[in-house]
N, C-alpha and C. Protein backbone atom coordinates (compact mmCIF):
# COMPACT_ATOMS: atom_id res chain seq x y z
N MET A 1 5.30 -8.48 26.90
CA MET A 1 5.71 -7.10 27.09
C MET A 1 7.22 -7.01 27.25
N LEU A 2 7.81 -7.93 28.02
CA LEU A 2 9.25 -7.93 28.22
C LEU A 2 9.97 -8.18 26.89
N ALA A 3 9.50 -9.13 26.11
CA ALA A 3 10.11 -9.42 24.81
C ALA A 3 10.01 -8.21 23.89
N GLU A 4 8.87 -7.52 23.93
CA GLU A 4 8.68 -6.33 23.10
C GLU A 4 9.68 -5.25 23.51
N SER A 5 9.89 -5.08 24.80
CA SER A 5 10.84 -4.09 25.29
C SER A 5 12.26 -4.44 24.86
N ARG A 6 12.63 -5.72 24.98
CA ARG A 6 13.97 -6.14 24.57
C ARG A 6 14.16 -5.89 23.08
N CYS A 7 13.13 -6.15 22.31
CA CYS A 7 13.19 -5.95 20.87
C CYS A 7 13.42 -4.47 20.55
N THR A 8 12.66 -3.59 21.19
CA THR A 8 12.79 -2.16 20.96
C THR A 8 14.18 -1.68 21.34
N ASP A 9 14.68 -2.16 22.49
CA ASP A 9 16.02 -1.78 22.93
C ASP A 9 17.07 -2.20 21.90
N LYS A 10 16.95 -3.42 21.39
CA LYS A 10 17.91 -3.89 20.40
C LYS A 10 17.81 -3.10 19.11
N LEU A 11 16.60 -2.75 18.70
CA LEU A 11 16.43 -1.97 17.48
C LEU A 11 17.10 -0.61 17.64
N GLU A 12 16.86 0.04 18.76
CA GLU A 12 17.47 1.35 18.99
C GLU A 12 18.99 1.23 19.02
N LYS A 13 19.51 0.19 19.66
CA LYS A 13 20.96 -0.01 19.71
C LYS A 13 21.50 -0.25 18.29
N TRP A 14 20.79 -1.07 17.50
CA TRP A 14 21.25 -1.35 16.14
C TRP A 14 21.24 -0.08 15.30
N GLU A 15 20.15 0.69 15.40
CA GLU A 15 20.08 1.93 14.63
C GLU A 15 21.17 2.89 15.05
N PHE A 16 21.46 2.95 16.35
CA PHE A 16 22.48 3.86 16.84
C PHE A 16 23.86 3.44 16.35
N GLU A 17 24.18 2.16 16.45
CA GLU A 17 25.50 1.67 16.08
C GLU A 17 25.62 1.35 14.60
N ASN A 18 24.47 1.22 13.92
CA ASN A 18 24.43 0.84 12.50
C ASN A 18 25.24 -0.42 12.24
N SER A 19 25.12 -1.35 13.16
CA SER A 19 25.84 -2.62 13.03
C SER A 19 24.93 -3.65 12.38
N VAL A 20 25.50 -4.79 12.08
CA VAL A 20 24.72 -5.88 11.50
C VAL A 20 23.86 -6.47 12.61
N PRO A 21 22.56 -6.56 12.39
CA PRO A 21 21.69 -7.05 13.46
C PRO A 21 21.84 -8.55 13.66
N GLY A 22 21.58 -8.96 14.88
CA GLY A 22 21.59 -10.39 15.19
C GLY A 22 20.27 -11.03 14.80
N SER A 23 20.20 -12.32 14.94
CA SER A 23 18.99 -13.03 14.52
C SER A 23 17.80 -12.64 15.38
N TYR A 24 18.02 -12.34 16.67
CA TYR A 24 16.89 -11.97 17.52
C TYR A 24 16.26 -10.67 17.03
N LEU A 25 17.10 -9.70 16.68
CA LEU A 25 16.59 -8.43 16.19
C LEU A 25 15.84 -8.64 14.87
N THR A 26 16.39 -9.43 14.01
CA THR A 26 15.73 -9.72 12.74
C THR A 26 14.36 -10.33 12.99
N GLU A 27 14.30 -11.25 13.93
CA GLU A 27 13.03 -11.89 14.27
C GLU A 27 12.05 -10.86 14.83
N CYS A 28 12.53 -9.91 15.65
CA CYS A 28 11.67 -8.88 16.22
C CYS A 28 11.07 -7.99 15.14
N LEU A 29 11.83 -7.72 14.10
CA LEU A 29 11.38 -6.80 13.07
C LEU A 29 10.58 -7.48 11.98
N GLY A 30 10.43 -8.76 12.03
CA GLY A 30 9.59 -9.46 11.07
C GLY A 30 10.21 -9.56 9.70
N GLY A 31 11.48 -9.76 9.63
CA GLY A 31 12.13 -9.91 8.33
C GLY A 31 13.59 -9.53 8.42
N LYS A 32 14.26 -9.70 7.33
CA LYS A 32 15.69 -9.43 7.26
C LYS A 32 15.92 -7.94 7.06
N ILE A 33 16.74 -7.36 7.91
CA ILE A 33 17.12 -5.96 7.76
C ILE A 33 18.18 -5.89 6.68
N MET A 34 18.05 -4.92 5.79
CA MET A 34 19.01 -4.80 4.70
C MET A 34 19.40 -3.35 4.54
N SER A 35 20.48 -3.15 3.82
CA SER A 35 20.91 -1.79 3.54
C SER A 35 19.94 -1.16 2.55
N ARG A 36 19.95 0.15 2.47
CA ARG A 36 19.11 0.84 1.50
C ARG A 36 19.51 0.43 0.09
N ARG A 37 20.80 0.18 -0.12
CA ARG A 37 21.28 -0.25 -1.43
C ARG A 37 20.61 -1.57 -1.82
N THR A 38 20.56 -2.50 -0.90
CA THR A 38 19.95 -3.80 -1.17
C THR A 38 18.46 -3.65 -1.41
N ALA A 39 17.80 -2.82 -0.60
CA ALA A 39 16.37 -2.57 -0.78
C ALA A 39 16.11 -1.92 -2.13
N ARG A 40 16.98 -1.00 -2.53
CA ARG A 40 16.84 -0.33 -3.83
C ARG A 40 17.01 -1.34 -4.96
N GLU A 41 17.95 -2.25 -4.80
CA GLU A 41 18.17 -3.27 -5.81
C GLU A 41 16.95 -4.20 -5.93
N LEU A 42 16.35 -4.54 -4.82
CA LEU A 42 15.13 -5.34 -4.86
C LEU A 42 13.98 -4.57 -5.52
N ALA A 43 13.88 -3.28 -5.23
CA ALA A 43 12.85 -2.46 -5.87
C ALA A 43 13.07 -2.44 -7.38
N PHE A 44 14.33 -2.31 -7.80
CA PHE A 44 14.65 -2.36 -9.23
C PHE A 44 14.22 -3.70 -9.83
N LYS A 45 14.55 -4.80 -9.16
CA LYS A 45 14.20 -6.12 -9.68
C LYS A 45 12.69 -6.28 -9.83
N LEU A 46 11.95 -5.76 -8.86
CA LEU A 46 10.50 -5.86 -8.94
C LEU A 46 9.96 -4.97 -10.06
N LEU A 47 10.49 -3.77 -10.21
CA LEU A 47 10.07 -2.90 -11.32
C LEU A 47 10.36 -3.58 -12.67
N PHE A 48 11.53 -4.18 -12.78
CA PHE A 48 11.90 -4.88 -14.01
C PHE A 48 10.95 -6.04 -14.28
N GLN A 49 10.68 -6.83 -13.25
CA GLN A 49 9.76 -7.97 -13.38
C GLN A 49 8.39 -7.50 -13.85
N LEU A 50 7.90 -6.42 -13.26
CA LEU A 50 6.58 -5.91 -13.63
C LEU A 50 6.57 -5.34 -15.05
N GLU A 51 7.70 -4.87 -15.51
CA GLU A 51 7.80 -4.37 -16.88
C GLU A 51 7.76 -5.52 -17.89
N ILE A 52 8.35 -6.64 -17.52
CA ILE A 52 8.41 -7.80 -18.41
C ILE A 52 7.08 -8.57 -18.39
N GLN A 53 6.58 -8.83 -17.18
CA GLN A 53 5.35 -9.61 -17.01
C GLN A 53 4.24 -8.66 -16.56
N LYS A 54 3.46 -8.21 -17.47
CA LYS A 54 2.50 -7.15 -17.16
C LYS A 54 1.19 -7.62 -16.53
N GLU A 55 0.94 -8.92 -16.51
CA GLU A 55 -0.32 -9.42 -15.95
C GLU A 55 -0.18 -9.71 -14.45
N ASP A 56 -1.33 -9.70 -13.77
CA ASP A 56 -1.41 -10.02 -12.34
C ASP A 56 -0.40 -9.25 -11.50
N ARG A 57 -0.42 -7.96 -11.63
CA ARG A 57 0.53 -7.07 -10.94
C ARG A 57 0.54 -7.30 -9.43
N GLU A 58 -0.64 -7.29 -8.82
CA GLU A 58 -0.72 -7.44 -7.36
C GLU A 58 -0.20 -8.80 -6.91
N VAL A 59 -0.51 -9.83 -7.66
CA VAL A 59 -0.04 -11.19 -7.34
C VAL A 59 1.48 -11.23 -7.43
N GLN A 60 2.04 -10.61 -8.45
CA GLN A 60 3.49 -10.58 -8.60
C GLN A 60 4.17 -9.84 -7.44
N ILE A 61 3.60 -8.72 -7.06
CA ILE A 61 4.18 -7.94 -5.95
C ILE A 61 4.14 -8.76 -4.66
N GLN A 62 2.99 -9.35 -4.37
CA GLN A 62 2.84 -10.15 -3.16
C GLN A 62 3.80 -11.34 -3.17
N SER A 63 3.89 -12.01 -4.28
CA SER A 63 4.78 -13.16 -4.42
C SER A 63 6.24 -12.74 -4.23
N PHE A 64 6.62 -11.63 -4.83
CA PHE A 64 7.99 -11.12 -4.71
C PHE A 64 8.33 -10.82 -3.25
N LEU A 65 7.42 -10.16 -2.56
CA LEU A 65 7.66 -9.80 -1.15
C LEU A 65 7.74 -11.05 -0.28
N GLU A 66 6.92 -12.05 -0.58
CA GLU A 66 6.94 -13.29 0.19
C GLU A 66 8.21 -14.10 -0.08
N ASP A 67 8.69 -14.06 -1.32
CA ASP A 67 9.89 -14.83 -1.69
C ASP A 67 11.17 -14.24 -1.11
N ASN A 68 11.14 -12.97 -0.74
CA ASN A 68 12.30 -12.30 -0.18
C ASN A 68 11.99 -11.96 1.27
N ASP A 69 12.90 -12.28 2.16
CA ASP A 69 12.70 -12.03 3.59
C ASP A 69 13.01 -10.56 3.86
N ILE A 70 11.97 -9.73 3.83
CA ILE A 70 12.15 -8.28 3.89
C ILE A 70 11.50 -7.72 5.14
N ALA A 71 12.24 -6.91 5.89
CA ALA A 71 11.72 -6.24 7.07
C ALA A 71 10.66 -5.21 6.65
N GLU A 72 9.77 -4.88 7.56
CA GLU A 72 8.68 -3.95 7.26
C GLU A 72 9.19 -2.61 6.74
N LYS A 73 10.25 -2.08 7.33
CA LYS A 73 10.79 -0.78 6.90
C LYS A 73 11.22 -0.85 5.44
N ASP A 74 11.92 -1.90 5.07
CA ASP A 74 12.38 -2.07 3.70
C ASP A 74 11.22 -2.37 2.77
N ARG A 75 10.26 -3.12 3.24
CA ARG A 75 9.06 -3.43 2.46
C ARG A 75 8.33 -2.12 2.12
N GLY A 76 8.25 -1.23 3.09
CA GLY A 76 7.61 0.07 2.86
C GLY A 76 8.32 0.88 1.79
N TYR A 77 9.65 0.90 1.84
CA TYR A 77 10.43 1.61 0.83
C TYR A 77 10.19 0.99 -0.55
N ILE A 78 10.29 -0.32 -0.65
CA ILE A 78 10.12 -1.02 -1.93
C ILE A 78 8.73 -0.75 -2.51
N LEU A 79 7.71 -0.86 -1.67
CA LEU A 79 6.34 -0.63 -2.14
C LEU A 79 6.14 0.83 -2.54
N ASP A 80 6.76 1.76 -1.82
CA ASP A 80 6.66 3.17 -2.20
C ASP A 80 7.25 3.38 -3.59
N ILE A 81 8.40 2.81 -3.84
CA ILE A 81 9.04 2.96 -5.15
C ILE A 81 8.17 2.34 -6.24
N VAL A 82 7.73 1.13 -6.04
CA VAL A 82 6.97 0.41 -7.07
C VAL A 82 5.62 1.07 -7.31
N GLU A 83 4.87 1.35 -6.25
CA GLU A 83 3.54 1.94 -6.41
C GLU A 83 3.65 3.39 -6.87
N GLY A 84 4.59 4.13 -6.32
CA GLY A 84 4.77 5.54 -6.73
C GLY A 84 5.18 5.66 -8.18
N THR A 85 6.06 4.79 -8.62
CA THR A 85 6.48 4.79 -10.02
C THR A 85 5.30 4.46 -10.91
N ALA A 86 4.49 3.49 -10.52
CA ALA A 86 3.32 3.12 -11.31
C ALA A 86 2.34 4.29 -11.44
N LYS A 87 2.13 5.02 -10.35
CA LYS A 87 1.21 6.15 -10.38
C LYS A 87 1.70 7.29 -11.26
N ARG A 88 3.01 7.45 -11.34
CA ARG A 88 3.59 8.57 -12.09
C ARG A 88 4.30 8.13 -13.37
N ILE A 89 3.99 6.93 -13.84
CA ILE A 89 4.71 6.34 -14.96
C ILE A 89 4.69 7.22 -16.21
N ASP A 90 3.55 7.82 -16.52
CA ASP A 90 3.46 8.66 -17.73
C ASP A 90 4.38 9.88 -17.62
N GLU A 91 4.35 10.52 -16.47
CA GLU A 91 5.21 11.70 -16.25
C GLU A 91 6.69 11.30 -16.26
N ILE A 92 7.02 10.21 -15.61
CA ILE A 92 8.40 9.75 -15.56
C ILE A 92 8.89 9.39 -16.97
N ASP A 93 8.09 8.65 -17.72
CA ASP A 93 8.49 8.27 -19.07
C ASP A 93 8.62 9.49 -19.98
N LYS A 94 7.77 10.47 -19.80
CA LYS A 94 7.87 11.71 -20.57
C LYS A 94 9.20 12.41 -20.27
N ASP A 95 9.57 12.44 -18.99
CA ASP A 95 10.86 13.05 -18.61
C ASP A 95 12.03 12.24 -19.16
N ILE A 96 11.94 10.93 -19.11
CA ILE A 96 13.01 10.10 -19.67
C ILE A 96 13.17 10.43 -21.15
N SER A 97 12.07 10.45 -21.88
CA SER A 97 12.11 10.75 -23.32
C SER A 97 12.70 12.13 -23.59
N LYS A 98 12.36 13.07 -22.74
CA LYS A 98 12.82 14.45 -22.90
C LYS A 98 14.35 14.57 -22.79
N TYR A 99 14.96 13.74 -21.93
CA TYR A 99 16.40 13.86 -21.68
C TYR A 99 17.25 12.80 -22.37
N LEU A 100 16.65 12.04 -23.24
CA LEU A 100 17.41 11.09 -24.07
C LEU A 100 18.07 11.87 -25.21
N LYS A 101 19.24 11.46 -25.58
CA LYS A 101 19.91 12.09 -26.73
C LYS A 101 20.11 11.01 -27.78
N GLY A 102 19.38 11.15 -28.88
CA GLY A 102 19.53 10.20 -29.98
C GLY A 102 18.87 8.84 -29.74
N TRP A 103 17.99 8.77 -28.77
CA TRP A 103 17.30 7.51 -28.46
C TRP A 103 15.81 7.75 -28.38
N LYS A 104 15.07 6.72 -28.61
CA LYS A 104 13.63 6.70 -28.35
C LYS A 104 13.43 5.79 -27.14
N ILE A 105 12.47 6.11 -26.32
CA ILE A 105 12.26 5.35 -25.09
C ILE A 105 11.98 3.86 -25.38
N LYS A 106 11.36 3.57 -26.50
CA LYS A 106 11.05 2.17 -26.84
C LYS A 106 12.31 1.37 -27.17
N ARG A 107 13.41 2.06 -27.48
CA ARG A 107 14.66 1.37 -27.81
C ARG A 107 15.53 1.09 -26.60
N ILE A 108 15.21 1.71 -25.46
CA ILE A 108 16.00 1.51 -24.25
C ILE A 108 15.75 0.10 -23.72
N SER A 109 16.81 -0.54 -23.24
CA SER A 109 16.62 -1.87 -22.65
C SER A 109 15.69 -1.76 -21.44
N LYS A 110 14.98 -2.82 -21.15
CA LYS A 110 14.06 -2.84 -20.01
C LYS A 110 14.81 -2.65 -18.70
N VAL A 111 16.05 -3.12 -18.65
CA VAL A 111 16.88 -2.93 -17.45
C VAL A 111 17.13 -1.44 -17.25
N ASP A 112 17.64 -0.77 -18.29
CA ASP A 112 17.95 0.65 -18.17
C ASP A 112 16.70 1.48 -17.90
N LEU A 113 15.60 1.11 -18.53
CA LEU A 113 14.34 1.82 -18.31
C LEU A 113 13.89 1.68 -16.86
N SER A 114 13.99 0.49 -16.31
CA SER A 114 13.60 0.27 -14.91
C SER A 114 14.50 1.05 -13.96
N VAL A 115 15.79 1.09 -14.24
CA VAL A 115 16.73 1.86 -13.41
C VAL A 115 16.40 3.35 -13.47
N LEU A 116 16.16 3.85 -14.67
CA LEU A 116 15.84 5.28 -14.82
C LEU A 116 14.53 5.63 -14.12
N ARG A 117 13.54 4.79 -14.24
CA ARG A 117 12.26 5.05 -13.57
C ARG A 117 12.43 5.11 -12.06
N LEU A 118 13.17 4.15 -11.51
CA LEU A 118 13.40 4.12 -10.07
C LEU A 118 14.10 5.40 -9.62
N ALA A 119 15.19 5.75 -10.29
CA ALA A 119 15.96 6.93 -9.88
C ALA A 119 15.16 8.22 -10.04
N MET A 120 14.44 8.35 -11.13
CA MET A 120 13.65 9.57 -11.33
C MET A 120 12.55 9.69 -10.28
N TYR A 121 11.92 8.58 -9.94
CA TYR A 121 10.91 8.63 -8.89
C TYR A 121 11.56 9.06 -7.56
N GLU A 122 12.70 8.47 -7.23
CA GLU A 122 13.39 8.87 -6.00
C GLU A 122 13.71 10.36 -6.01
N ILE A 123 14.24 10.86 -7.11
CA ILE A 123 14.62 12.27 -7.21
C ILE A 123 13.39 13.17 -7.08
N MET A 124 12.29 12.77 -7.69
CA MET A 124 11.08 13.60 -7.67
C MET A 124 10.34 13.54 -6.34
N GLU A 125 10.34 12.39 -5.69
CA GLU A 125 9.45 12.18 -4.55
C GLU A 125 10.11 11.89 -3.21
N ARG A 126 11.31 11.38 -3.22
CA ARG A 126 11.93 10.94 -1.96
C ARG A 126 12.92 12.00 -1.47
N ASN A 127 12.41 12.95 -0.71
CA ASN A 127 13.24 14.02 -0.18
C ASN A 127 14.26 13.53 0.84
N ASP A 128 14.06 12.31 1.35
CA ASP A 128 15.00 11.74 2.32
C ASP A 128 16.24 11.16 1.65
N ILE A 129 16.26 11.15 0.32
CA ILE A 129 17.40 10.59 -0.43
C ILE A 129 18.01 11.70 -1.28
N PRO A 130 19.27 12.05 -1.03
CA PRO A 130 19.91 13.08 -1.85
C PRO A 130 19.96 12.67 -3.32
N GLU A 131 19.81 13.64 -4.21
CA GLU A 131 19.80 13.36 -5.64
C GLU A 131 21.05 12.62 -6.09
N ASN A 132 22.21 13.05 -5.57
CA ASN A 132 23.46 12.40 -6.00
C ASN A 132 23.51 10.93 -5.58
N VAL A 133 22.88 10.59 -4.47
CA VAL A 133 22.82 9.19 -4.03
C VAL A 133 21.95 8.40 -5.00
N SER A 134 20.79 8.95 -5.36
CA SER A 134 19.91 8.27 -6.32
C SER A 134 20.63 8.04 -7.64
N ILE A 135 21.35 9.04 -8.11
CA ILE A 135 22.08 8.92 -9.38
C ILE A 135 23.18 7.88 -9.28
N ASN A 136 24.01 7.97 -8.24
CA ASN A 136 25.12 7.03 -8.09
C ASN A 136 24.64 5.59 -7.95
N GLU A 137 23.59 5.38 -7.18
CA GLU A 137 23.05 4.04 -7.01
C GLU A 137 22.47 3.51 -8.32
N ALA A 138 21.80 4.39 -9.08
CA ALA A 138 21.26 3.98 -10.37
C ALA A 138 22.38 3.58 -11.33
N ILE A 139 23.46 4.31 -11.32
CA ILE A 139 24.61 3.99 -12.17
C ILE A 139 25.15 2.61 -11.81
N GLU A 140 25.30 2.35 -10.52
CA GLU A 140 25.83 1.06 -10.08
C GLU A 140 24.90 -0.10 -10.45
N ILE A 141 23.61 0.10 -10.30
CA ILE A 141 22.65 -0.95 -10.67
C ILE A 141 22.72 -1.19 -12.18
N ALA A 142 22.77 -0.12 -12.96
CA ALA A 142 22.84 -0.25 -14.42
C ALA A 142 24.10 -1.00 -14.83
N LYS A 143 25.23 -0.66 -14.22
CA LYS A 143 26.48 -1.35 -14.56
C LYS A 143 26.42 -2.82 -14.17
N LYS A 144 25.82 -3.11 -13.03
CA LYS A 144 25.75 -4.49 -12.54
C LYS A 144 24.84 -5.36 -13.41
N TYR A 145 23.70 -4.83 -13.83
CA TYR A 145 22.72 -5.64 -14.52
C TYR A 145 22.68 -5.44 -16.03
N SER A 146 23.35 -4.40 -16.52
CA SER A 146 23.28 -4.13 -17.95
C SER A 146 24.65 -3.95 -18.59
N GLY A 147 25.60 -3.34 -17.91
CA GLY A 147 26.94 -3.17 -18.46
C GLY A 147 27.49 -1.78 -18.19
N GLU A 148 28.80 -1.65 -18.38
CA GLU A 148 29.50 -0.38 -18.11
C GLU A 148 28.90 0.78 -18.90
N GLU A 149 28.64 0.53 -20.18
CA GLU A 149 28.11 1.62 -21.02
C GLU A 149 26.72 2.06 -20.56
N SER A 150 25.98 1.17 -19.96
CA SER A 150 24.67 1.55 -19.41
C SER A 150 24.82 2.50 -18.24
N GLY A 151 25.86 2.31 -17.45
CA GLY A 151 26.12 3.23 -16.35
C GLY A 151 26.31 4.66 -16.86
N ALA A 152 27.08 4.81 -17.93
CA ALA A 152 27.31 6.13 -18.52
C ALA A 152 26.02 6.69 -19.11
N PHE A 153 25.24 5.83 -19.76
CA PHE A 153 23.97 6.24 -20.35
C PHE A 153 23.02 6.76 -19.27
N VAL A 154 22.86 5.98 -18.20
CA VAL A 154 21.97 6.36 -17.09
C VAL A 154 22.46 7.66 -16.45
N ASN A 155 23.76 7.79 -16.27
CA ASN A 155 24.34 9.00 -15.70
C ASN A 155 23.99 10.22 -16.55
N GLY A 156 24.11 10.08 -17.86
CA GLY A 156 23.81 11.20 -18.75
C GLY A 156 22.36 11.64 -18.68
N VAL A 157 21.45 10.68 -18.73
CA VAL A 157 20.01 11.00 -18.68
C VAL A 157 19.66 11.64 -17.34
N LEU A 158 20.10 11.03 -16.25
CA LEU A 158 19.77 11.57 -14.93
C LEU A 158 20.45 12.91 -14.67
N GLY A 159 21.67 13.07 -15.18
CA GLY A 159 22.38 14.34 -15.03
C GLY A 159 21.62 15.48 -15.71
N ARG A 160 21.14 15.24 -16.92
CA ARG A 160 20.37 16.26 -17.63
C ARG A 160 19.05 16.55 -16.91
N PHE A 161 18.43 15.51 -16.38
CA PHE A 161 17.17 15.65 -15.65
C PHE A 161 17.36 16.53 -14.41
N VAL A 162 18.39 16.24 -13.62
CA VAL A 162 18.64 16.99 -12.39
C VAL A 162 19.03 18.43 -12.71
N LYS A 163 19.85 18.61 -13.73
CA LYS A 163 20.26 19.96 -14.12
C LYS A 163 19.05 20.79 -14.51
N ALA A 164 18.14 20.22 -15.29
CA ALA A 164 16.93 20.94 -15.70
C ALA A 164 16.07 21.28 -14.48
N ARG A 165 16.00 20.37 -13.51
CA ARG A 165 15.24 20.64 -12.29
C ARG A 165 15.84 21.80 -11.51
N LEU A 166 17.16 21.85 -11.44
CA LEU A 166 17.84 22.94 -10.73
C LEU A 166 17.57 24.28 -11.40
N VAL A 167 17.64 24.30 -12.72
CA VAL A 167 17.38 25.52 -13.47
C VAL A 167 15.93 25.97 -13.23
N SER A 168 15.01 25.01 -13.27
CA SER A 168 13.60 25.32 -13.04
C SER A 168 13.36 25.82 -11.63
N ASP A 169 14.01 25.19 -10.63
CA ASP A 169 13.86 25.63 -9.24
C ASP A 169 14.38 27.05 -9.05
N LYS A 170 15.51 27.37 -9.67
CA LYS A 170 16.09 28.72 -9.56
C LYS A 170 15.18 29.74 -10.23
N ALA A 171 14.61 29.38 -11.36
CA ALA A 171 13.68 30.29 -12.06
C ALA A 171 12.45 30.56 -11.20
N ASN A 172 11.96 29.53 -10.53
CA ASN A 172 10.79 29.69 -9.67
C ASN A 172 11.10 30.54 -8.45
N GLU A 173 12.34 30.49 -7.96
CA GLU A 173 12.73 31.28 -6.79
C GLU A 173 12.79 32.76 -7.13
N THR A 174 13.17 33.11 -8.35
CA THR A 174 13.30 34.52 -8.72
C THR A 174 11.97 35.16 -9.07
N GLU A 175 10.94 34.36 -9.25
CA GLU A 175 9.62 34.91 -9.59
C GLU A 175 8.93 35.50 -8.41
């Protein structure tokens, strides 16, 4: 009970100060605490892996989570992105296709496709993440794993997607 109390106190202090946690706090939380950016990057890597290796999905997810020392909070975020994207894959891919200019979805690199899926899912479902954060993070991931021009490509697709959503939301408000 005393150890549990100390752990809770340290967690609250860490969340309040947003400092780098010590090893005791990490041990209390059952994994490595990471920034949302790092968790998002891991979610992207898992989405990409699942796009490339389509068999044994559950085994791959479990193996990925075990291979990376991930705290429960971050594990929840990663699983939400991966499972949520899988559930809405047809709708997400339809939206990606809709906002491509001069491209077919089958021609997009698997890296860019995984980044777009992640960002679109966040924009559609994660109200705790501002749209501009999802877009900016997607651009950075695309540039890091695919190249500068991919950042511009991802920005264009997501920009058109968000703009269309805003227009649709405004139209719905006036009805």
